[in-house]
N, C-alpha and C. Protein backbone atom coordinates (compact mmCIF):
# COMPACT_ATOMS: atom_id res chain seq x y z
N MET A 1 -99.65 -24.56 37.13
CA MET A 1 -98.73 -25.66 36.99
C MET A 1 -98.84 -26.19 35.62
N GLN A 2 -100.06 -26.33 35.06
CA GLN A 2 -100.26 -26.79 33.71
C GLN A 2 -99.50 -25.96 32.60
N ASN A 3 -99.53 -24.64 32.86
CA ASN A 3 -98.88 -23.81 31.91
C ASN A 3 -97.32 -23.99 31.86
N LEU A 4 -96.70 -24.35 33.01
CA LEU A 4 -95.28 -24.67 33.10
C LEU A 4 -94.96 -25.92 32.39
N THR A 5 -95.79 -26.97 32.45
CA THR A 5 -95.44 -28.25 31.74
C THR A 5 -95.65 -28.11 30.28
N ASP A 6 -96.51 -27.10 29.83
CA ASP A 6 -96.55 -26.92 28.45
C ASP A 6 -95.27 -26.44 27.76
N PHE A 7 -94.45 -25.75 28.52
CA PHE A 7 -93.18 -25.28 27.96
C PHE A 7 -92.07 -26.18 28.09
N VAL A 8 -92.15 -27.32 28.75
CA VAL A 8 -91.02 -28.21 28.90
C VAL A 8 -90.56 -28.81 27.58
N PRO A 9 -91.46 -29.29 26.66
CA PRO A 9 -90.95 -29.72 25.40
C PRO A 9 -90.25 -28.66 24.59
N LEU A 10 -90.72 -27.42 24.67
CA LEU A 10 -90.12 -26.30 23.98
C LEU A 10 -88.70 -26.01 24.55
N PHE A 11 -88.57 -26.10 25.80
CA PHE A 11 -87.26 -25.88 26.50
C PHE A 11 -86.33 -27.00 26.20
N ALA A 12 -86.83 -28.25 26.09
CA ALA A 12 -85.99 -29.41 25.78
C ALA A 12 -85.47 -29.25 24.25
N ILE A 13 -86.32 -28.82 23.39
CA ILE A 13 -85.94 -28.64 21.94
C ILE A 13 -84.83 -27.52 21.84
N ALA A 14 -85.08 -26.50 22.69
CA ALA A 14 -84.00 -25.45 22.63
C ALA A 14 -82.66 -25.88 23.17
N LEU A 15 -82.62 -26.71 24.22
CA LEU A 15 -81.37 -27.30 24.73
C LEU A 15 -80.75 -28.24 23.67
N ILE A 16 -81.61 -29.12 23.03
CA ILE A 16 -81.02 -29.92 22.04
C ILE A 16 -80.49 -29.17 20.91
N PHE A 17 -81.10 -28.14 20.50
CA PHE A 17 -80.73 -27.27 19.35
C PHE A 17 -79.32 -26.69 19.82
N TYR A 18 -79.22 -26.16 21.02
CA TYR A 18 -77.97 -25.51 21.48
C TYR A 18 -76.87 -26.58 21.48
N PHE A 19 -76.99 -27.76 22.09
CA PHE A 19 -75.94 -28.65 22.25
C PHE A 19 -75.52 -29.39 20.96
N PHE A 20 -76.39 -29.49 20.12
CA PHE A 20 -76.05 -30.26 18.86
C PHE A 20 -75.73 -29.42 17.60
N ILE A 21 -76.26 -28.13 17.63
CA ILE A 21 -75.97 -27.19 16.53
C ILE A 21 -75.13 -26.03 16.97
N LEU A 22 -75.56 -25.23 17.94
CA LEU A 22 -74.83 -24.02 18.16
C LEU A 22 -73.41 -24.15 18.88
N ALA A 23 -73.39 -24.99 19.97
CA ALA A 23 -72.15 -25.25 20.59
C ALA A 23 -70.99 -25.71 19.72
N PRO A 24 -71.27 -26.77 18.83
CA PRO A 24 -70.13 -27.24 18.08
C PRO A 24 -69.69 -26.18 17.01
N GLN A 25 -70.67 -25.37 16.55
CA GLN A 25 -70.34 -24.31 15.56
C GLN A 25 -69.52 -23.24 16.21
N LEU A 26 -69.77 -22.95 17.49
CA LEU A 26 -69.02 -21.96 18.18
C LEU A 26 -67.65 -22.36 18.42
N ARG A 27 -67.46 -23.68 18.79
CA ARG A 27 -66.18 -24.26 19.02
C ARG A 27 -65.31 -24.33 17.70
N ARG A 28 -65.93 -24.63 16.64
CA ARG A 28 -65.25 -24.73 15.33
C ARG A 28 -64.84 -23.29 14.89
N SER A 29 -65.66 -22.28 15.11
CA SER A 29 -65.38 -20.93 14.84
C SER A 29 -64.11 -20.46 15.60
N LYS A 30 -64.09 -20.76 16.93
CA LYS A 30 -62.95 -20.43 17.74
C LYS A 30 -61.67 -21.08 17.27
N LYS A 31 -61.81 -22.38 16.89
CA LYS A 31 -60.63 -23.14 16.32
C LYS A 31 -60.12 -22.53 15.09
N GLU A 32 -61.00 -22.13 14.11
CA GLU A 32 -60.60 -21.48 12.89
C GLU A 32 -59.87 -20.19 13.13
N LYS A 33 -60.39 -19.34 14.08
CA LYS A 33 -59.75 -18.06 14.43
C LYS A 33 -58.41 -18.28 15.02
N LYS A 34 -58.23 -19.19 15.89
CA LYS A 34 -56.86 -19.60 16.57
C LYS A 34 -55.93 -20.00 15.41
N PHE A 35 -56.45 -20.91 14.46
CA PHE A 35 -55.60 -21.38 13.41
C PHE A 35 -55.04 -20.31 12.50
N ALA A 36 -56.02 -19.37 12.07
CA ALA A 36 -55.62 -18.26 11.24
C ALA A 36 -54.71 -17.31 11.99
N ALA A 37 -54.76 -17.18 13.35
CA ALA A 37 -53.94 -16.23 14.10
C ALA A 37 -52.59 -16.79 14.27
N ASN A 38 -52.53 -18.16 14.28
CA ASN A 38 -51.19 -18.81 14.60
C ASN A 38 -50.32 -19.14 13.34
N LEU A 39 -50.81 -18.79 12.09
CA LEU A 39 -50.15 -19.08 10.93
C LEU A 39 -48.81 -18.28 10.90
N LYS A 40 -47.79 -18.89 10.44
CA LYS A 40 -46.42 -18.14 10.41
C LYS A 40 -45.76 -18.57 9.06
N LYS A 41 -44.81 -17.78 8.70
CA LYS A 41 -44.05 -17.94 7.40
C LYS A 41 -43.34 -19.26 7.64
N GLY A 42 -43.46 -20.15 6.42
CA GLY A 42 -42.89 -21.40 6.36
C GLY A 42 -43.80 -22.56 6.67
N ASP A 43 -45.05 -22.26 7.24
CA ASP A 43 -45.96 -23.33 7.53
C ASP A 43 -46.53 -24.00 6.19
N ARG A 44 -46.55 -25.32 6.17
CA ARG A 44 -47.04 -25.97 4.99
C ARG A 44 -48.67 -26.02 5.21
N VAL A 45 -49.39 -25.59 4.19
CA VAL A 45 -50.79 -25.51 4.24
C VAL A 45 -51.45 -26.13 3.02
N ILE A 46 -52.77 -26.33 3.12
CA ILE A 46 -53.63 -26.75 2.08
C ILE A 46 -54.79 -25.83 2.08
N THR A 47 -55.19 -25.33 0.87
CA THR A 47 -56.39 -24.45 0.83
C THR A 47 -57.64 -25.31 0.74
N LYS A 48 -58.69 -24.69 0.95
CA LYS A 48 -60.01 -25.30 0.79
C LYS A 48 -60.26 -25.88 -0.59
N SER A 49 -59.65 -25.20 -1.61
CA SER A 49 -59.80 -25.67 -2.96
C SER A 49 -58.76 -26.82 -3.33
N GLY A 50 -57.86 -27.13 -2.37
CA GLY A 50 -57.07 -28.29 -2.56
C GLY A 50 -55.57 -27.93 -3.00
N MET A 51 -55.26 -26.71 -2.99
CA MET A 51 -53.79 -26.30 -3.42
C MET A 51 -52.97 -26.44 -2.29
N HIS A 52 -51.79 -27.11 -2.44
CA HIS A 52 -50.78 -27.33 -1.50
C HIS A 52 -49.73 -26.20 -1.67
N GLY A 53 -49.21 -25.84 -0.52
CA GLY A 53 -48.02 -24.88 -0.56
C GLY A 53 -47.52 -24.50 0.78
N LYS A 54 -46.56 -23.55 0.77
CA LYS A 54 -45.86 -23.11 1.97
C LYS A 54 -46.15 -21.66 2.09
N ILE A 55 -46.45 -21.16 3.24
CA ILE A 55 -46.68 -19.63 3.38
C ILE A 55 -45.45 -18.89 3.26
N ALA A 56 -45.45 -17.99 2.22
CA ALA A 56 -44.25 -17.13 1.98
C ALA A 56 -44.28 -15.85 2.69
N ALA A 57 -45.55 -15.30 2.91
CA ALA A 57 -45.64 -13.99 3.54
C ALA A 57 -47.12 -13.87 4.18
N ILE A 58 -47.23 -13.12 5.28
CA ILE A 58 -48.48 -12.90 5.88
C ILE A 58 -48.75 -11.42 5.94
N ASN A 59 -49.91 -11.06 5.64
CA ASN A 59 -50.32 -9.57 5.72
C ASN A 59 -51.47 -9.47 6.69
N ASP A 60 -51.15 -8.85 7.81
CA ASP A 60 -52.19 -8.60 8.89
C ASP A 60 -53.17 -7.57 8.53
N LYS A 61 -52.83 -6.61 7.66
CA LYS A 61 -53.66 -5.52 7.33
C LYS A 61 -55.02 -5.97 6.67
N ASP A 62 -54.86 -6.88 5.58
CA ASP A 62 -56.03 -7.37 4.88
C ASP A 62 -56.34 -8.76 5.15
N ASN A 63 -55.72 -9.35 6.23
CA ASN A 63 -55.99 -10.73 6.66
C ASN A 63 -55.85 -11.76 5.56
N SER A 64 -54.62 -11.63 4.83
CA SER A 64 -54.32 -12.48 3.77
C SER A 64 -52.90 -13.06 4.01
N CYS A 65 -52.61 -14.04 3.10
CA CYS A 65 -51.22 -14.58 3.08
C CYS A 65 -50.89 -15.07 1.71
N VAL A 66 -49.54 -14.98 1.40
CA VAL A 66 -49.10 -15.41 0.19
C VAL A 66 -48.59 -16.84 0.35
N VAL A 67 -49.14 -17.75 -0.56
CA VAL A 67 -48.81 -19.17 -0.48
C VAL A 67 -47.95 -19.48 -1.68
N GLU A 68 -46.80 -20.12 -1.45
CA GLU A 68 -45.89 -20.42 -2.48
C GLU A 68 -46.14 -21.93 -2.94
N THR A 69 -46.44 -22.07 -4.25
CA THR A 69 -46.85 -23.37 -4.77
C THR A 69 -45.75 -23.77 -5.84
N LEU A 70 -45.82 -24.95 -6.41
CA LEU A 70 -44.95 -25.29 -7.45
C LEU A 70 -45.20 -24.37 -8.72
N ALA A 71 -46.39 -23.79 -8.82
CA ALA A 71 -46.67 -22.99 -10.00
C ALA A 71 -46.30 -21.49 -9.76
N GLY A 72 -45.99 -21.14 -8.54
CA GLY A 72 -45.62 -19.73 -8.27
C GLY A 72 -46.29 -19.32 -7.01
N LYS A 73 -46.35 -18.01 -6.73
CA LYS A 73 -46.90 -17.45 -5.45
C LYS A 73 -48.31 -17.02 -5.74
N ILE A 74 -49.14 -17.30 -4.84
CA ILE A 74 -50.63 -16.93 -4.98
C ILE A 74 -51.06 -16.32 -3.56
N LYS A 75 -51.85 -15.22 -3.73
CA LYS A 75 -52.30 -14.57 -2.47
C LYS A 75 -53.67 -15.16 -2.16
N PHE A 76 -53.89 -15.57 -0.89
CA PHE A 76 -55.13 -16.11 -0.43
C PHE A 76 -55.63 -15.33 0.80
N GLU A 77 -56.84 -15.42 1.00
CA GLU A 77 -57.47 -15.04 2.28
C GLU A 77 -57.10 -16.04 3.37
N ARG A 78 -56.90 -15.74 4.57
CA ARG A 78 -56.62 -16.73 5.64
C ARG A 78 -57.73 -17.67 5.75
N SER A 79 -58.98 -17.23 5.56
CA SER A 79 -60.10 -18.08 5.70
C SER A 79 -60.26 -19.17 4.59
N ALA A 80 -59.37 -18.98 3.61
CA ALA A 80 -59.42 -19.95 2.49
C ALA A 80 -58.57 -21.14 2.74
N LEU A 81 -57.90 -21.14 3.84
CA LEU A 81 -57.06 -22.30 4.23
C LEU A 81 -57.83 -23.28 5.11
N SER A 82 -57.70 -24.60 4.69
CA SER A 82 -58.41 -25.61 5.26
C SER A 82 -57.72 -26.10 6.59
N ILE A 83 -58.34 -26.03 7.76
CA ILE A 83 -57.75 -26.47 8.93
C ILE A 83 -57.57 -28.00 9.02
N GLU A 84 -58.55 -28.71 8.63
CA GLU A 84 -58.54 -30.18 8.70
C GLU A 84 -57.48 -30.78 7.83
N MET A 85 -57.40 -30.29 6.59
CA MET A 85 -56.37 -30.79 5.58
C MET A 85 -54.91 -30.46 6.01
N THR A 86 -54.82 -29.15 6.50
CA THR A 86 -53.49 -28.72 6.87
C THR A 86 -53.02 -29.58 8.11
N GLN A 87 -53.90 -29.81 9.07
CA GLN A 87 -53.47 -30.53 10.27
C GLN A 87 -53.11 -32.00 9.75
N LYS A 88 -53.80 -32.58 8.86
CA LYS A 88 -53.47 -33.90 8.39
C LYS A 88 -52.17 -33.87 7.71
N LEU A 89 -51.85 -32.86 6.94
CA LEU A 89 -50.64 -32.68 6.16
C LEU A 89 -49.43 -32.55 7.15
N ASN A 90 -49.62 -31.85 8.19
CA ASN A 90 -48.43 -31.56 9.15
C ASN A 90 -48.35 -32.69 10.19
N THR A 91 -49.30 -33.72 10.31
CA THR A 91 -49.10 -34.76 11.15
C THR A 91 -48.51 -36.01 10.48
N GLN A 92 -48.52 -35.99 9.14
CA GLN A 92 -47.96 -37.13 8.37
C GLN A 92 -46.37 -36.99 8.46
N PRO A 93 -45.74 -38.16 8.56
CA PRO A 93 -44.27 -38.08 8.46
C PRO A 93 -43.76 -37.56 7.18
N LYS A 94 -42.74 -36.65 7.29
CA LYS A 94 -42.18 -36.03 6.13
C LYS A 94 -41.21 -37.08 5.44
N LYS A 95 -41.18 -37.02 4.15
CA LYS A 95 -40.43 -37.94 3.31
C LYS A 95 -39.07 -37.30 3.03
């Protein structure tokens, strides 16, 4: 019985690690994959570097998209698009 109680703190630390670190990261990863999969032509997006634009084309072969900005068209990886900033942009009322 003494040996079992020695492992209780270790088990508690493992649970805390899972619920505060691993589970949120897994949820975020799923959300990012869903976001990248649901992108379509014409969506307004913001990249992680802060560039604003509209998706002009999507390439499923190399997992990239072409974003049309005021400066021209630029090819980005889908992972370079910011989920949080894009959602904020799309929830703001259009002027």
